């Protein structure tokens, strides 16, 4: 596209295509990170349930006298593991929310760009 004084600018359609490719890569990255977060969260939730179940059985066994009271340190370790899981699961939920917000913002940018591009095309065609 030629201009006054020999300055050349790129075709707006080419710029739009470049932007869309960049936004697509970013969207895929957000989706990949969200999937990683979800996979970690699912694994933690599974371990959390298992540890909580084991701790409950151990406490019950200690109360019934079928396990020695020296197992109290095991219960304490399991309690700490459960608390750590809860903290990490909460952090992952926060991160998942951030990824969702970022993805939504990116979609809004692409939609606004699309509307602006269509309006620009209508004006230049008119």
N, C-alpha and C. Protein backbone atom coordinates (compact mmCIF):
# COMPACT_ATOMS: atom_id res chain seq x y z
N UNK A 1 0.86 -1.16 0.00
CA UNK A 1 0.00 0.00 0.00
C UNK A 1 0.90 1.23 0.00
N UNK A 2 0.79 2.07 -0.99
CA UNK A 2 1.64 3.25 -1.13
C UNK A 2 0.99 4.45 -0.44
N UNK A 3 1.83 5.44 -0.10
CA UNK A 3 1.33 6.62 0.58
C UNK A 3 2.12 7.84 0.10
N UNK A 4 1.72 8.99 0.55
CA UNK A 4 2.41 10.24 0.23
C UNK A 4 3.83 10.18 0.80
N UNK A 5 4.77 10.85 0.12
CA UNK A 5 6.16 10.95 0.54
C UNK A 5 6.88 9.60 0.54
N UNK A 6 6.38 8.64 -0.18
CA UNK A 6 7.06 7.36 -0.31
C UNK A 6 6.93 6.46 0.91
N UNK A 7 6.17 6.88 1.92
CA UNK A 7 5.98 6.02 3.10
C UNK A 7 5.02 4.91 2.73
N UNK A 8 5.41 3.70 3.07
CA UNK A 8 4.56 2.55 2.77
C UNK A 8 4.05 1.95 4.09
N UNK A 9 2.82 1.61 4.08
CA UNK A 9 2.26 0.94 5.26
C UNK A 9 1.71 -0.41 4.82
N UNK A 10 1.60 -1.29 5.79
CA UNK A 10 1.10 -2.62 5.48
C UNK A 10 -0.41 -2.59 5.29
N UNK A 11 -0.87 -3.57 4.58
CA UNK A 11 -2.30 -3.74 4.37
C UNK A 11 -2.96 -4.06 5.72
N UNK A 12 -4.02 -3.35 6.09
CA UNK A 12 -4.69 -3.63 7.37
C UNK A 12 -5.15 -5.09 7.51
N UNK A 13 -5.52 -5.73 6.41
CA UNK A 13 -5.93 -7.13 6.47
C UNK A 13 -4.76 -8.01 6.90
N UNK A 14 -3.56 -7.68 6.44
CA UNK A 14 -2.37 -8.44 6.83
C UNK A 14 -2.07 -8.22 8.32
N UNK A 15 -2.21 -6.98 8.77
CA UNK A 15 -2.02 -6.69 10.20
C UNK A 15 -3.02 -7.48 11.05
N UNK A 16 -4.25 -7.49 10.60
CA UNK A 16 -5.30 -8.22 11.34
C UNK A 16 -4.97 -9.70 11.40
N UNK A 17 -4.52 -10.26 10.29
CA UNK A 17 -4.16 -11.69 10.26
C UNK A 17 -3.01 -11.97 11.22
N UNK A 18 -2.03 -11.09 11.26
CA UNK A 18 -0.90 -11.24 12.19
C UNK A 18 -1.39 -11.19 13.63
N UNK A 19 -2.27 -10.23 13.91
CA UNK A 19 -2.83 -10.12 15.27
C UNK A 19 -3.61 -11.37 15.65
N UNK A 20 -4.43 -11.86 14.74
CA UNK A 20 -5.24 -13.05 15.03
C UNK A 20 -4.36 -14.27 15.29
N UNK A 21 -3.28 -14.40 14.54
CA UNK A 21 -2.36 -15.52 14.77
C UNK A 21 -1.72 -15.41 16.15
N UNK A 22 -1.34 -14.21 16.51
CA UNK A 22 -0.72 -13.97 17.82
C UNK A 22 -1.73 -14.28 18.94
N UNK A 23 -2.96 -13.78 18.77
CA UNK A 23 -4.00 -14.02 19.77
C UNK A 23 -4.33 -15.51 19.87
N UNK A 24 -4.30 -16.21 18.74
CA UNK A 24 -4.57 -17.65 18.74
C UNK A 24 -3.50 -18.40 19.53
N UNK A 25 -2.24 -18.03 19.34
CA UNK A 25 -1.15 -18.66 20.10
C UNK A 25 -1.32 -18.40 21.60
N UNK A 26 -1.70 -17.17 21.93
CA UNK A 26 -1.91 -16.81 23.33
C UNK A 26 -3.08 -17.59 23.92
N UNK A 27 -4.16 -17.72 23.17
CA UNK A 27 -5.33 -18.48 23.63
C UNK A 27 -4.95 -19.93 23.89
N UNK A 28 -4.17 -20.52 22.99
CA UNK A 28 -3.73 -21.91 23.16
C UNK A 28 -2.86 -22.05 24.40
N UNK A 29 -2.00 -21.06 24.66
CA UNK A 29 -1.16 -21.10 25.85
C UNK A 29 -2.01 -21.01 27.11
N UNK A 30 -2.99 -20.10 27.14
CA UNK A 30 -3.89 -20.00 28.30
C UNK A 30 -4.62 -21.33 28.51
N UNK A 31 -5.10 -21.94 27.44
CA UNK A 31 -5.81 -23.21 27.54
C UNK A 31 -4.89 -24.32 28.06
N UNK A 32 -3.64 -24.34 27.58
CA UNK A 32 -2.68 -25.33 28.02
C UNK A 32 -2.39 -25.18 29.52
N UNK A 33 -2.18 -23.95 29.95
CA UNK A 33 -1.89 -23.71 31.37
C UNK A 33 -3.10 -24.08 32.22
N UNK A 34 -4.30 -23.74 31.76
CA UNK A 34 -5.52 -24.09 32.49
C UNK A 34 -5.63 -25.61 32.63
N UNK A 35 -5.29 -26.34 31.57
CA UNK A 35 -5.35 -27.81 31.61
C UNK A 35 -4.31 -28.36 32.59
N UNK A 36 -3.12 -27.76 32.63
CA UNK A 36 -2.09 -28.18 33.58
C UNK A 36 -2.56 -27.96 35.02
N UNK A 37 -3.17 -26.82 35.25
CA UNK A 37 -3.68 -26.50 36.59
C UNK A 37 -4.75 -27.51 36.98
N UNK A 38 -5.67 -27.80 36.07
CA UNK A 38 -6.75 -28.74 36.35
C UNK A 38 -6.20 -30.14 36.62
N UNK A 39 -5.20 -30.56 35.87
CA UNK A 39 -4.60 -31.89 36.08
C UNK A 39 -3.94 -31.97 37.46
N UNK A 40 -3.22 -30.92 37.84
CA UNK A 40 -2.58 -30.91 39.16
C UNK A 40 -3.64 -30.94 40.25
N UNK A 41 -4.68 -30.16 40.07
CA UNK A 41 -5.77 -30.09 41.06
C UNK A 41 -6.45 -31.45 41.20
N UNK A 42 -6.72 -32.12 40.10
CA UNK A 42 -7.37 -33.44 40.15
C UNK A 42 -6.49 -34.45 40.88
N UNK A 43 -5.20 -34.43 40.61
CA UNK A 43 -4.28 -35.33 41.31
C UNK A 43 -4.23 -35.06 42.80
N UNK A 44 -4.19 -33.79 43.16
CA UNK A 44 -4.17 -33.42 44.58
C UNK A 44 -5.46 -33.83 45.28
N UNK A 45 -6.58 -33.62 44.61
CA UNK A 45 -7.86 -33.98 45.22
C UNK A 45 -7.94 -35.48 45.48
N UNK A 46 -7.39 -36.27 44.57
CA UNK A 46 -7.36 -37.72 44.75
C UNK A 46 -6.51 -38.10 45.95
N UNK A 47 -5.32 -37.51 46.04
CA UNK A 47 -4.43 -37.79 47.18
C UNK A 47 -5.05 -37.28 48.49
N UNK A 48 -5.73 -36.15 48.41
CA UNK A 48 -6.39 -35.57 49.58
C UNK A 48 -7.43 -36.54 50.13
N UNK A 49 -8.28 -37.06 49.24
CA UNK A 49 -9.33 -38.00 49.67
C UNK A 49 -8.70 -39.27 50.28
N UNK A 50 -7.66 -39.77 49.64
CA UNK A 50 -6.99 -40.97 50.13
C UNK A 50 -6.38 -40.73 51.51
N UNK A 51 -5.68 -39.62 51.67
CA UNK A 51 -5.04 -39.30 52.95
C UNK A 51 -6.08 -39.07 54.04
N UNK A 52 -7.15 -38.36 53.71
CA UNK A 52 -8.21 -38.11 54.69
C UNK A 52 -8.86 -39.42 55.13
N UNK A 53 -9.08 -40.31 54.19
CA UNK A 53 -9.67 -41.62 54.52
C UNK A 53 -8.73 -42.42 55.42
N UNK A 54 -7.45 -42.45 55.05
CA UNK A 54 -6.47 -43.18 55.87
C UNK A 54 -6.36 -42.59 57.27
N UNK A 55 -6.38 -41.28 57.36
CA UNK A 55 -6.29 -40.62 58.67
C UNK A 55 -7.52 -40.96 59.52
N UNK A 56 -8.69 -40.95 58.90
CA UNK A 56 -9.92 -41.27 59.64
C UNK A 56 -9.88 -42.71 60.17
N UNK A 57 -9.44 -43.64 59.33
CA UNK A 57 -9.34 -45.04 59.78
C UNK A 57 -8.31 -45.19 60.90
N UNK A 58 -7.20 -44.47 60.79
CA UNK A 58 -6.16 -44.57 61.81
C UNK A 58 -6.66 -44.00 63.13
N UNK A 59 -7.34 -42.87 63.10
CA UNK A 59 -7.88 -42.27 64.32
C UNK A 59 -8.90 -43.22 64.96
N UNK A 60 -9.75 -43.80 64.12
CA UNK A 60 -10.75 -44.75 64.63
C UNK A 60 -10.07 -45.95 65.27
N UNK A 61 -9.03 -46.46 64.61
CA UNK A 61 -8.30 -47.62 65.15
C UNK A 61 -7.64 -47.26 66.47
N UNK A 62 -7.11 -46.06 66.58
CA UNK A 62 -6.48 -45.62 67.83
C UNK A 62 -7.53 -45.50 68.94
N UNK A 63 -8.72 -44.98 68.59
CA UNK A 63 -9.79 -44.84 69.58
C UNK A 63 -10.30 -46.20 70.04
N UNK A 64 -10.31 -47.18 69.14
CA UNK A 64 -10.78 -48.53 69.48
C UNK A 64 -9.69 -49.37 70.14
N UNK A 65 -8.48 -48.85 70.19
CA UNK A 65 -7.38 -49.56 70.82
C UNK A 65 -6.71 -50.57 69.90
N UNK A 66 -7.11 -50.63 68.63
CA UNK A 66 -6.49 -51.61 67.73
C UNK A 66 -5.24 -51.05 67.06
N UNK A 67 -4.91 -49.79 67.35
CA UNK A 67 -3.65 -49.19 66.87
C UNK A 67 -3.02 -48.49 68.06
N UNK A 68 -1.71 -48.53 68.13
CA UNK A 68 -1.03 -47.93 69.28
C UNK A 68 -1.12 -46.41 69.23
N UNK A 69 -1.04 -45.83 70.40
CA UNK A 69 -1.10 -44.37 70.48
C UNK A 69 0.15 -43.73 69.88
N UNK A 70 1.18 -44.53 69.64
CA UNK A 70 2.39 -43.99 69.00
C UNK A 70 2.11 -43.60 67.54
N UNK A 71 1.00 -44.02 67.03
CA UNK A 71 0.61 -43.66 65.66
C UNK A 71 0.13 -42.21 65.58
N UNK A 72 0.10 -41.54 66.72
CA UNK A 72 -0.32 -40.13 66.76
C UNK A 72 0.53 -39.26 65.85
N UNK A 73 1.82 -39.58 65.74
CA UNK A 73 2.68 -38.80 64.84
C UNK A 73 2.28 -39.02 63.39
N UNK A 74 1.79 -40.22 63.06
CA UNK A 74 1.29 -40.48 61.71
C UNK A 74 0.05 -39.64 61.42
N UNK A 75 -0.84 -39.57 62.42
CA UNK A 75 -2.05 -38.75 62.27
C UNK A 75 -1.65 -37.29 62.08
N UNK A 76 -0.68 -36.84 62.85
CA UNK A 76 -0.22 -35.45 62.74
C UNK A 76 0.36 -35.17 61.35
N UNK A 77 1.15 -36.12 60.85
CA UNK A 77 1.73 -35.96 59.51
C UNK A 77 0.64 -35.93 58.45
N UNK A 78 -0.35 -36.80 58.61
CA UNK A 78 -1.46 -36.82 57.65
C UNK A 78 -2.27 -35.53 57.72
N UNK A 79 -2.46 -35.02 58.93
CA UNK A 79 -3.19 -33.75 59.10
C UNK A 79 -2.46 -32.62 58.40
N UNK A 80 -1.15 -32.58 58.57
CA UNK A 80 -0.35 -31.55 57.88
C UNK A 80 -0.44 -31.70 56.36
N UNK A 81 -0.39 -32.94 55.89
CA UNK A 81 -0.51 -33.20 54.45
C UNK A 81 -1.87 -32.74 53.93
N UNK A 82 -2.91 -33.01 54.70
CA UNK A 82 -4.27 -32.60 54.31
C UNK A 82 -4.36 -31.08 54.25
N UNK A 83 -3.82 -30.41 55.25
CA UNK A 83 -3.85 -28.93 55.27
C UNK A 83 -3.07 -28.35 54.10
N UNK A 84 -1.92 -28.95 53.80
CA UNK A 84 -1.13 -28.49 52.65
C UNK A 84 -1.89 -28.69 51.35
N UNK A 85 -2.56 -29.83 51.23
CA UNK A 85 -3.38 -30.09 50.03
C UNK A 85 -4.48 -29.05 49.90
N UNK A 86 -5.14 -28.76 51.00
CA UNK A 86 -6.23 -27.77 50.97
C UNK A 86 -5.71 -26.41 50.51
N UNK A 87 -4.54 -26.01 51.02
CA UNK A 87 -3.96 -24.72 50.62
C UNK A 87 -3.62 -24.73 49.13
N UNK A 88 -3.01 -25.81 48.68
CA UNK A 88 -2.61 -25.88 47.26
C UNK A 88 -3.83 -25.93 46.35
N UNK A 89 -4.85 -26.68 46.73
CA UNK A 89 -6.07 -26.75 45.93
C UNK A 89 -6.71 -25.37 45.83
N UNK A 90 -6.72 -24.63 46.94
CA UNK A 90 -7.26 -23.26 46.91
C UNK A 90 -6.44 -22.37 45.99
N UNK A 91 -5.12 -22.50 46.03
CA UNK A 91 -4.25 -21.70 45.16
C UNK A 91 -4.49 -22.06 43.69
N UNK A 92 -4.63 -23.34 43.42
CA UNK A 92 -4.89 -23.77 42.04
C UNK A 92 -6.25 -23.27 41.55
N UNK A 93 -7.23 -23.24 42.43
CA UNK A 93 -8.55 -22.71 42.06
C UNK A 93 -8.42 -21.22 41.71
N UNK A 94 -7.60 -20.49 42.49
CA UNK A 94 -7.37 -19.06 42.20
C UNK A 94 -6.69 -18.90 40.86
N UNK A 95 -5.67 -19.72 40.60
CA UNK A 95 -4.95 -19.65 39.33
C UNK A 95 -5.87 -19.98 38.16
N UNK A 96 -6.74 -20.97 38.36
CA UNK A 96 -7.69 -21.34 37.31
C UNK A 96 -8.62 -20.16 37.01
N UNK A 97 -9.04 -19.46 38.04
CA UNK A 97 -9.88 -18.27 37.86
C UNK A 97 -9.16 -17.18 37.08
N UNK A 98 -7.88 -16.99 37.38
CA UNK A 98 -7.08 -15.99 36.66
C UNK A 98 -6.98 -16.37 35.18
N UNK A 99 -6.71 -17.65 34.91
CA UNK A 99 -6.62 -18.11 33.50
C UNK A 99 -7.95 -17.89 32.78
N UNK A 100 -9.04 -18.15 33.48
CA UNK A 100 -10.37 -17.96 32.89
C UNK A 100 -10.60 -16.48 32.57
N UNK A 101 -10.21 -15.60 33.51
CA UNK A 101 -10.35 -14.16 33.28
C UNK A 101 -9.48 -13.69 32.11
N UNK A 102 -8.24 -14.17 32.06
CA UNK A 102 -7.34 -13.80 30.97
C UNK A 102 -7.89 -14.26 29.63
N UNK A 103 -8.40 -15.48 29.61
CA UNK A 103 -8.96 -16.03 28.37
C UNK A 103 -10.18 -15.22 27.94
N UNK A 104 -11.02 -14.85 28.91
CA UNK A 104 -12.20 -14.05 28.61
C UNK A 104 -11.79 -12.68 28.08
N UNK A 105 -10.77 -12.07 28.69
CA UNK A 105 -10.27 -10.77 28.22
C UNK A 105 -9.73 -10.87 26.80
N UNK A 106 -9.00 -11.94 26.53
CA UNK A 106 -8.47 -12.14 25.19
C UNK A 106 -9.60 -12.30 24.17
N UNK A 107 -10.61 -13.07 24.52
CA UNK A 107 -11.76 -13.24 23.63
C UNK A 107 -12.44 -11.89 23.38
N UNK A 108 -12.55 -11.06 24.41
CA UNK A 108 -13.17 -9.75 24.26
C UNK A 108 -12.35 -8.86 23.32
N UNK A 109 -11.02 -8.95 23.43
CA UNK A 109 -10.15 -8.17 22.54
C UNK A 109 -10.34 -8.61 21.10
N UNK A 110 -10.36 -9.91 20.88
CA UNK A 110 -10.53 -10.45 19.52
C UNK A 110 -11.89 -10.05 18.97
N UNK A 111 -12.94 -10.14 19.80
CA UNK A 111 -14.28 -9.75 19.35
C UNK A 111 -14.34 -8.26 19.02
N UNK A 112 -13.74 -7.43 19.86
CA UNK A 112 -13.73 -5.98 19.61
C UNK A 112 -12.94 -5.67 18.35
N UNK A 113 -11.84 -6.37 18.15
CA UNK A 113 -11.03 -6.17 16.95
C UNK A 113 -11.82 -6.58 15.71
N UNK A 114 -12.56 -7.67 15.83
CA UNK A 114 -13.37 -8.15 14.71
C UNK A 114 -14.44 -7.11 14.35
N UNK A 115 -15.12 -6.58 15.36
CA UNK A 115 -16.15 -5.56 15.12
C UNK A 115 -15.54 -4.31 14.50
N UNK A 116 -14.39 -3.89 15.03
CA UNK A 116 -13.70 -2.72 14.48
C UNK A 116 -13.26 -2.93 13.05
N UNK A 117 -12.78 -4.13 12.76
CA UNK A 117 -12.34 -4.45 11.40
C UNK A 117 -13.52 -4.47 10.44
N UNK A 118 -14.61 -5.04 10.87
CA UNK A 118 -15.80 -5.08 10.01
C UNK A 118 -16.33 -3.68 9.76
N UNK A 119 -16.29 -2.82 10.79
CA UNK A 119 -16.74 -1.44 10.62
C UNK A 119 -15.82 -0.70 9.65
N UNK A 120 -14.51 -0.94 9.78
CA UNK A 120 -13.55 -0.30 8.88
C UNK A 120 -13.74 -0.74 7.44
N UNK A 121 -14.04 -2.02 7.26
CA UNK A 121 -14.28 -2.54 5.91
C UNK A 121 -15.56 -1.93 5.33
N UNK A 122 -16.58 -1.74 6.15
CA UNK A 122 -17.84 -1.16 5.68
C UNK A 122 -17.63 0.28 5.26
N UNK A 123 -16.81 1.02 6.01
CA UNK A 123 -16.55 2.42 5.70
C UNK A 123 -15.75 2.52 4.39
N UNK A 124 -14.72 1.69 4.23
CA UNK A 124 -13.89 1.76 3.03
C UNK A 124 -14.66 1.25 1.81
N UNK A 125 -15.65 0.39 2.01
CA UNK A 125 -16.45 -0.10 0.90
C UNK A 125 -17.52 0.90 0.49
N UNK A 126 -17.87 1.77 1.45
CA UNK A 126 -18.98 2.70 1.23
C UNK A 126 -18.56 3.89 0.54
